[in-house]
Amino acid sequence: MAKFYALINRANQPLPSQDLVGRMYRLLDEATKLIDDPKIQARLDDLTLLKMVLDKVKTDDLMPPWMRFAANSIKRYRLALHR
């Protein structure tokens, strides 16, 4: 997961691309296969959901309110994990 977070770290200024999307999905898939803990699996599911949302809608301005709320909730959850 360290590779995943390094990949999406804003400090690295990742540019949206097919390659970035593919690497994110592969890293999440690899992590999912290594985990037996339901709580960690739930976190991975959240990250996968967020990735799916961001993959479909590139900007917050285009997101419907419910999707923006869900994406922001997952972002806040992710940030809380790194405190």
C-alpha atoms as a PDB file:
ATOM      1  CA  MET A   1       0.000   0.000   0.000  1.00  0.00           C
ATOM      2  CA  ALA A   2       2.995   2.290   0.427  1.00  0.00           C
ATOM      3  CA  LYS A   3       3.389   2.186  -3.369  1.00  0.00           C
ATOM      4  CA  PHE A   4      -0.287   3.092  -3.801  1.00  0.00           C
ATOM      5  CA  TYR A   5      -0.087   6.098  -1.476  1.00  0.00           C
ATOM      6  CA  ALA A   6       3.178   7.263  -3.056  1.00  0.00           C
ATOM      7  CA  LEU A   7       1.488   7.036  -6.443  1.00  0.00           C
ATOM      8  CA  ILE A   8      -1.436   9.278  -5.452  1.00  0.00           C
ATOM      9  CA  ASN A   9       0.489  11.652  -3.193  1.00  0.00           C
ATOM     10  CA  ARG A  10      -0.290  15.221  -4.267  1.00  0.00           C
ATOM     11  CA  ALA A  11       3.294  16.231  -3.543  1.00  0.00           C
ATOM     12  CA  ASN A  12       4.262  14.035  -6.504  1.00  0.00           C
ATOM     13  CA  GLN A  13       1.689  15.877  -8.654  1.00  0.00           C
ATOM     14  CA  PRO A  14       0.342  12.767 -10.379  1.00  0.00           C
ATOM     15  CA  LEU A  15      -1.300  13.474 -13.709  1.00  0.00           C
ATOM     16  CA  PRO A  16      -4.469  11.544 -14.530  1.00  0.00           C
ATOM     17  CA  SER A  17      -3.712   9.007 -17.230  1.00  0.00           C
ATOM     18  CA  GLN A  18      -4.627   5.494 -18.291  1.00  0.00           C
ATOM     19  CA  ASP A  19      -1.273   4.315 -16.916  1.00  0.00           C
ATOM     20  CA  LEU A  20      -1.916   5.880 -13.492  1.00  0.00           C
ATOM     21  CA  VAL A  21      -5.407   4.387 -13.338  1.00  0.00           C
ATOM     22  CA  GLY A  22      -4.101   0.950 -14.293  1.00  0.00           C
ATOM     23  CA  ARG A  23      -1.319   1.052 -11.703  1.00  0.00           C
ATOM     24  CA  MET A  24      -3.774   2.146  -8.984  1.00  0.00           C
ATOM     25  CA  TYR A  25      -6.143  -0.730  -9.746  1.00  0.00           C
ATOM     26  CA  ARG A  26      -3.266  -3.245  -9.873  1.00  0.00           C
ATOM     27  CA  LEU A  27      -1.880  -2.103  -6.521  1.00  0.00           C
ATOM     28  CA  LEU A  28      -5.312  -2.256  -4.887  1.00  0.00           C
ATOM     29  CA  ASP A  29      -5.871  -5.720  -6.377  1.00  0.00           C
ATOM     30  CA  GLU A  30      -2.499  -6.942  -5.076  1.00  0.00           C
ATOM     31  CA  ALA A  31      -3.235  -5.621  -1.591  1.00  0.00           C
ATOM     32  CA  THR A  32      -6.698  -7.220  -1.604  1.00  0.00           C
ATOM     33  CA  LYS A  33      -5.189 -10.634  -2.335  1.00  0.00           C
ATOM     34  CA  LEU A  34      -2.788 -10.340   0.618  1.00  0.00           C
ATOM     35  CA  ILE A  35      -5.365  -9.352   3.260  1.00  0.00           C
ATOM     36  CA  ASP A  36      -7.542 -11.557   5.459  1.00  0.00           C
ATOM     37  CA  ASP A  37      -8.589  -8.882   7.973  1.00  0.00           C
ATOM     38  CA  PRO A  38     -12.169  -7.655   7.270  1.00  0.00           C
ATOM     39  CA  LYS A  39     -11.407  -4.145   8.580  1.00  0.00           C
ATOM     40  CA  ILE A  40      -8.443  -3.729   6.267  1.00  0.00           C
ATOM     41  CA  GLN A  41     -10.460  -5.213   3.412  1.00  0.00           C
ATOM     42  CA  ALA A  42     -13.145  -2.595   4.067  1.00  0.00           C
ATOM     43  CA  ARG A  43     -10.504   0.161   3.762  1.00  0.00           C
ATOM     44  CA  LEU A  44      -9.314  -1.304   0.486  1.00  0.00           C
ATOM     45  CA  ASP A  45     -12.916  -1.442  -0.724  1.00  0.00           C
ATOM     46  CA  ASP A  46     -13.278   2.257   0.164  1.00  0.00           C
ATOM     47  CA  LEU A  47     -10.148   3.124  -1.789  1.00  0.00           C
ATOM     48  CA  THR A  48     -11.357   1.075  -4.742  1.00  0.00           C
ATOM     49  CA  LEU A  49     -14.714   2.857  -4.631  1.00  0.00           C
ATOM     50  CA  LEU A  50     -12.991   6.235  -4.503  1.00  0.00           C
ATOM     51  CA  LYS A  51     -10.789   5.256  -7.449  1.00  0.00           C
ATOM     52  CA  MET A  52     -13.846   4.174  -9.421  1.00  0.00           C
ATOM     53  CA  VAL A  53     -15.601   7.465  -8.693  1.00  0.00           C
ATOM     54  CA  LEU A  54     -12.579   9.540  -9.643  1.00  0.00           C
ATOM     55  CA  ASP A  55     -12.024   7.446 -12.743  1.00  0.00           C
ATOM     56  CA  LYS A  56     -15.561   8.167 -13.978  1.00  0.00           C
ATOM     57  CA  VAL A  57     -15.708  11.835 -13.019  1.00  0.00           C
ATOM     58  CA  LYS A  58     -12.485  13.797 -13.260  1.00  0.00           C
ATOM     59  CA  THR A  59     -13.491  17.024 -11.473  1.00  0.00           C
ATOM     60  CA  ASP A  60     -15.515  17.782  -8.363  1.00  0.00           C
ATOM     61  CA  ASP A  61     -17.515  20.382 -10.302  1.00  0.00           C
ATOM     62  CA  LEU A  62     -18.992  17.656 -12.477  1.00  0.00           C
ATOM     63  CA  MET A  63     -19.837  15.315  -9.606  1.00  0.00           C
ATOM     64  CA  PRO A  64     -23.390  15.073  -8.366  1.00  0.00           C
ATOM     65  CA  PRO A  65     -23.666  16.153  -4.703  1.00  0.00           C
ATOM     66  CA  TRP A  66     -24.052  12.594  -3.349  1.00  0.00           C
ATOM     67  CA  MET A  67     -20.935  11.459  -5.213  1.00  0.00           C
ATOM     68  CA  ARG A  68     -18.922  14.491  -4.050  1.00  0.00           C
ATOM     69  CA  PHE A  69     -19.998  13.736  -0.466  1.00  0.00           C
ATOM     70  CA  ALA A  70     -18.957  10.083  -0.810  1.00  0.00           C
ATOM     71  CA  ALA A  71     -15.606  10.952  -2.390  1.00  0.00           C
ATOM     72  CA  ASN A  72     -14.871  13.584   0.268  1.00  0.00           C
ATOM     73  CA  SER A  73     -15.822  11.178   3.048  1.00  0.00           C
ATOM     74  CA  ILE A  74     -13.435   8.576   1.720  1.00  0.00           C
ATOM     75  CA  LYS A  75     -10.690  11.210   1.332  1.00  0.00           C
ATOM     76  CA  ARG A  76     -11.170  12.303   4.960  1.00  0.00           C
ATOM     77  CA  TYR A  77     -11.079   8.662   6.090  1.00  0.00           C
ATOM     78  CA  ARG A  78      -7.856   8.126   4.149  1.00  0.00           C
ATOM     79  CA  LEU A  79      -6.278  11.214   5.698  1.00  0.00           C
ATOM     80  CA  ALA A  80      -7.304  10.066   9.185  1.00  0.00           C
ATOM     81  CA  LEU A  81      -5.482   6.774   8.606  1.00  0.00           C
ATOM     82  CA  HIS A  82      -2.214   8.638   8.122  1.00  0.00           C
ATOM     83  CA  ARG A  83      -2.293  10.736  11.270  1.00  0.00           C
END
